[in-house]
Amino acid sequence: MKKGYKIKGLDCANCATQLENAIQKIEGIESVSINFLTEKMIMEYNEENKQEIMDKVKKTIKKEEPDVKIEEI
């Protein structure tokens, strides 16, 4: 399943890359792309475990970039 999210509070493109790399390591994530300029994240993941994967994504974002907020679009 491919889904788009609004990412608010990223400080720089390097932060976006680091966050992208951390999210990519989560089991069930097939691909992730974060665009710093548009503040958008496109994620492809296994739909069967959506809630579990999203919980891990939010936890990873909180750990890597505490000020970043994520909203589904």
N, C-alpha and C. Protein backbone atom coordinates (compact mmCIF):
# COMPACT_ATOMS: atom_id res chain seq x y z
N MET A 1 0.84 -1.17 0.00
CA MET A 1 0.00 0.00 0.00
C MET A 1 0.89 1.24 0.00
N LYS A 2 0.59 2.17 -0.88
CA LYS A 2 1.35 3.42 -0.96
C LYS A 2 0.50 4.52 -0.35
N LYS A 3 1.10 5.31 0.52
CA LYS A 3 0.36 6.35 1.25
C LYS A 3 1.22 7.60 1.38
N GLY A 4 0.57 8.76 1.36
CA GLY A 4 1.27 10.03 1.51
C GLY A 4 1.02 10.64 2.88
N TYR A 5 2.04 11.33 3.39
CA TYR A 5 1.96 11.97 4.71
C TYR A 5 2.59 13.35 4.65
N LYS A 6 2.07 14.25 5.44
CA LYS A 6 2.64 15.59 5.59
C LYS A 6 3.59 15.52 6.77
N ILE A 7 4.80 16.01 6.57
CA ILE A 7 5.83 16.01 7.61
C ILE A 7 6.10 17.46 7.98
N LYS A 8 5.86 17.83 9.22
CA LYS A 8 6.08 19.22 9.65
C LYS A 8 7.18 19.28 10.70
N GLY A 9 8.06 20.26 10.57
CA GLY A 9 9.07 20.49 11.59
C GLY A 9 10.46 19.99 11.27
N LEU A 10 10.68 19.51 10.04
CA LEU A 10 12.03 19.09 9.66
C LEU A 10 12.92 20.32 9.52
N ASP A 11 14.14 20.24 10.04
CA ASP A 11 15.05 21.38 10.02
C ASP A 11 15.85 21.51 8.73
N CYS A 12 16.21 20.38 8.13
CA CYS A 12 17.08 20.46 6.94
C CYS A 12 16.94 19.20 6.09
N ALA A 13 17.49 19.25 4.90
CA ALA A 13 17.43 18.11 3.98
C ALA A 13 18.20 16.92 4.54
N ASN A 14 19.28 17.18 5.25
CA ASN A 14 20.07 16.11 5.86
C ASN A 14 19.23 15.37 6.91
N CYS A 15 18.46 16.11 7.68
CA CYS A 15 17.57 15.50 8.68
C CYS A 15 16.54 14.60 7.99
N ALA A 16 16.03 15.06 6.85
CA ALA A 16 15.06 14.27 6.08
C ALA A 16 15.68 12.96 5.61
N THR A 17 16.92 13.03 5.15
CA THR A 17 17.62 11.84 4.69
C THR A 17 17.86 10.86 5.83
N GLN A 18 18.28 11.37 6.98
CA GLN A 18 18.52 10.51 8.14
C GLN A 18 17.22 9.85 8.59
N LEU A 19 16.14 10.60 8.60
CA LEU A 19 14.84 10.07 8.99
C LEU A 19 14.37 9.00 8.00
N GLU A 20 14.56 9.29 6.72
CA GLU A 20 14.21 8.35 5.66
C GLU A 20 14.95 7.02 5.85
N ASN A 21 16.25 7.10 6.13
CA ASN A 21 17.06 5.90 6.33
C ASN A 21 16.60 5.11 7.56
N ALA A 22 16.24 5.80 8.63
CA ALA A 22 15.78 5.13 9.85
C ALA A 22 14.44 4.43 9.62
N ILE A 23 13.53 5.08 8.91
CA ILE A 23 12.21 4.51 8.63
C ILE A 23 12.34 3.31 7.70
N GLN A 24 13.26 3.38 6.75
CA GLN A 24 13.46 2.30 5.78
C GLN A 24 13.83 0.99 6.47
N LYS A 25 14.44 1.06 7.65
CA LYS A 25 14.88 -0.13 8.38
C LYS A 25 13.74 -0.84 9.12
N ILE A 26 12.58 -0.20 9.21
CA ILE A 26 11.43 -0.80 9.92
C ILE A 26 10.89 -1.97 9.11
N GLU A 27 10.67 -3.09 9.79
CA GLU A 27 10.14 -4.27 9.13
C GLU A 27 8.72 -3.98 8.61
N GLY A 28 8.49 -4.32 7.35
CA GLY A 28 7.19 -4.08 6.74
C GLY A 28 7.18 -2.88 5.81
N ILE A 29 8.19 -2.01 5.92
CA ILE A 29 8.31 -0.85 5.03
C ILE A 29 8.99 -1.31 3.75
N GLU A 30 8.32 -1.12 2.62
CA GLU A 30 8.89 -1.50 1.33
C GLU A 30 9.72 -0.37 0.76
N SER A 31 9.22 0.87 0.90
CA SER A 31 9.98 2.03 0.43
C SER A 31 9.48 3.28 1.16
N VAL A 32 10.36 4.25 1.26
CA VAL A 32 9.99 5.53 1.86
C VAL A 32 10.78 6.63 1.17
N SER A 33 10.11 7.74 0.93
CA SER A 33 10.75 8.90 0.30
C SER A 33 10.25 10.16 1.00
N ILE A 34 11.19 10.97 1.50
CA ILE A 34 10.83 12.21 2.17
C ILE A 34 11.37 13.37 1.34
N ASN A 35 10.49 14.30 0.99
CA ASN A 35 10.88 15.49 0.26
C ASN A 35 10.87 16.66 1.25
N PHE A 36 12.06 17.17 1.56
CA PHE A 36 12.20 18.24 2.55
C PHE A 36 11.47 19.51 2.11
N LEU A 37 11.58 19.86 0.83
CA LEU A 37 11.00 21.12 0.35
C LEU A 37 9.47 21.13 0.39
N THR A 38 8.86 20.02 0.02
CA THR A 38 7.39 19.95 0.00
C THR A 38 6.82 19.44 1.32
N GLU A 39 7.70 19.01 2.22
CA GLU A 39 7.31 18.46 3.53
C GLU A 39 6.37 17.27 3.37
N LYS A 40 6.68 16.40 2.39
CA LYS A 40 5.86 15.22 2.15
C LYS A 40 6.69 13.95 2.26
N MET A 41 6.03 12.91 2.76
CA MET A 41 6.64 11.59 2.83
C MET A 41 5.71 10.61 2.12
N ILE A 42 6.27 9.84 1.22
CA ILE A 42 5.53 8.78 0.54
C ILE A 42 6.10 7.46 1.05
N MET A 43 5.20 6.63 1.60
CA MET A 43 5.61 5.35 2.15
C MET A 43 4.84 4.23 1.49
N GLU A 44 5.54 3.15 1.20
CA GLU A 44 4.90 1.93 0.71
C GLU A 44 5.16 0.86 1.76
N TYR A 45 4.09 0.24 2.23
CA TYR A 45 4.24 -0.74 3.30
C TYR A 45 3.19 -1.84 3.20
N ASN A 46 3.38 -2.87 4.01
CA ASN A 46 2.48 -4.01 4.07
C ASN A 46 1.20 -3.58 4.77
N GLU A 47 0.08 -3.62 4.06
CA GLU A 47 -1.19 -3.13 4.60
C GLU A 47 -1.73 -3.99 5.74
N GLU A 48 -1.37 -5.26 5.78
CA GLU A 48 -1.87 -6.16 6.83
C GLU A 48 -1.47 -5.70 8.23
N ASN A 49 -0.29 -5.13 8.35
CA ASN A 49 0.23 -4.69 9.65
C ASN A 49 0.27 -3.17 9.76
N LYS A 50 -0.67 -2.49 9.13
CA LYS A 50 -0.63 -1.02 9.04
C LYS A 50 -0.47 -0.35 10.41
N GLN A 51 -1.29 -0.71 11.39
CA GLN A 51 -1.24 -0.03 12.68
C GLN A 51 0.10 -0.25 13.39
N GLU A 52 0.58 -1.49 13.35
CA GLU A 52 1.87 -1.81 13.98
C GLU A 52 3.01 -1.05 13.29
N ILE A 53 2.99 -1.01 11.97
CA ILE A 53 4.02 -0.30 11.22
C ILE A 53 3.96 1.20 11.51
N MET A 54 2.75 1.77 11.52
CA MET A 54 2.62 3.21 11.79
C MET A 54 3.07 3.56 13.20
N ASP A 55 2.81 2.68 14.17
CA ASP A 55 3.29 2.92 15.53
C ASP A 55 4.82 2.96 15.56
N LYS A 56 5.44 2.05 14.82
CA LYS A 56 6.91 2.01 14.76
C LYS A 56 7.46 3.24 14.04
N VAL A 57 6.77 3.66 12.97
CA VAL A 57 7.20 4.86 12.22
C VAL A 57 7.14 6.08 13.14
N LYS A 58 6.03 6.24 13.86
CA LYS A 58 5.89 7.40 14.76
C LYS A 58 6.93 7.37 15.88
N LYS A 59 7.22 6.19 16.39
CA LYS A 59 8.23 6.04 17.45
C LYS A 59 9.62 6.40 16.91
N THR A 60 9.91 5.96 15.68
CA THR A 60 11.20 6.27 15.04
C THR A 60 11.33 7.77 14.80
N ILE A 61 10.26 8.40 14.31
CA ILE A 61 10.29 9.84 14.07
C ILE A 61 10.53 10.58 15.39
N LYS A 62 9.84 10.18 16.44
CA LYS A 62 9.99 10.82 17.76
C LYS A 62 11.43 10.69 18.27
N LYS A 63 12.05 9.52 18.03
CA LYS A 63 13.42 9.28 18.48
C LYS A 63 14.43 10.09 17.66
N GLU A 64 14.27 10.08 16.34
CA GLU A 64 15.23 10.73 15.45
C GLU A 64 15.05 12.25 15.40
N GLU A 65 13.81 12.70 15.31
CA GLU A 65 13.48 14.13 15.17
C GLU A 65 12.29 14.44 16.06
N PRO A 66 12.53 14.71 17.36
CA PRO A 66 11.43 14.89 18.33
C PRO A 66 10.42 15.98 17.99
N ASP A 67 10.81 17.00 17.24
CA ASP A 67 9.92 18.11 16.95
C ASP A 67 9.06 17.89 15.68
N VAL A 68 9.28 16.80 14.99
CA VAL A 68 8.58 16.54 13.74
C VAL A 68 7.21 15.93 13.99
N LYS A 69 6.21 16.43 13.28
CA LYS A 69 4.84 15.93 13.35
C LYS A 69 4.49 15.30 12.01
N ILE A 70 3.67 14.25 12.04
CA ILE A 70 3.27 13.54 10.82
C ILE A 70 1.74 13.53 10.74
N GLU A 71 1.22 13.82 9.53
CA GLU A 71 -0.24 13.81 9.30
C GLU A 71 -0.50 13.05 8.00
N GLU A 72 -1.52 12.23 8.01
CA GLU A 72 -1.91 11.53 6.80
C GLU A 72 -2.59 12.51 5.84
N ILE A 73 -2.29 12.39 4.54
CA ILE A 73 -2.93 13.26 3.55
C ILE A 73 -3.73 12.45 2.55
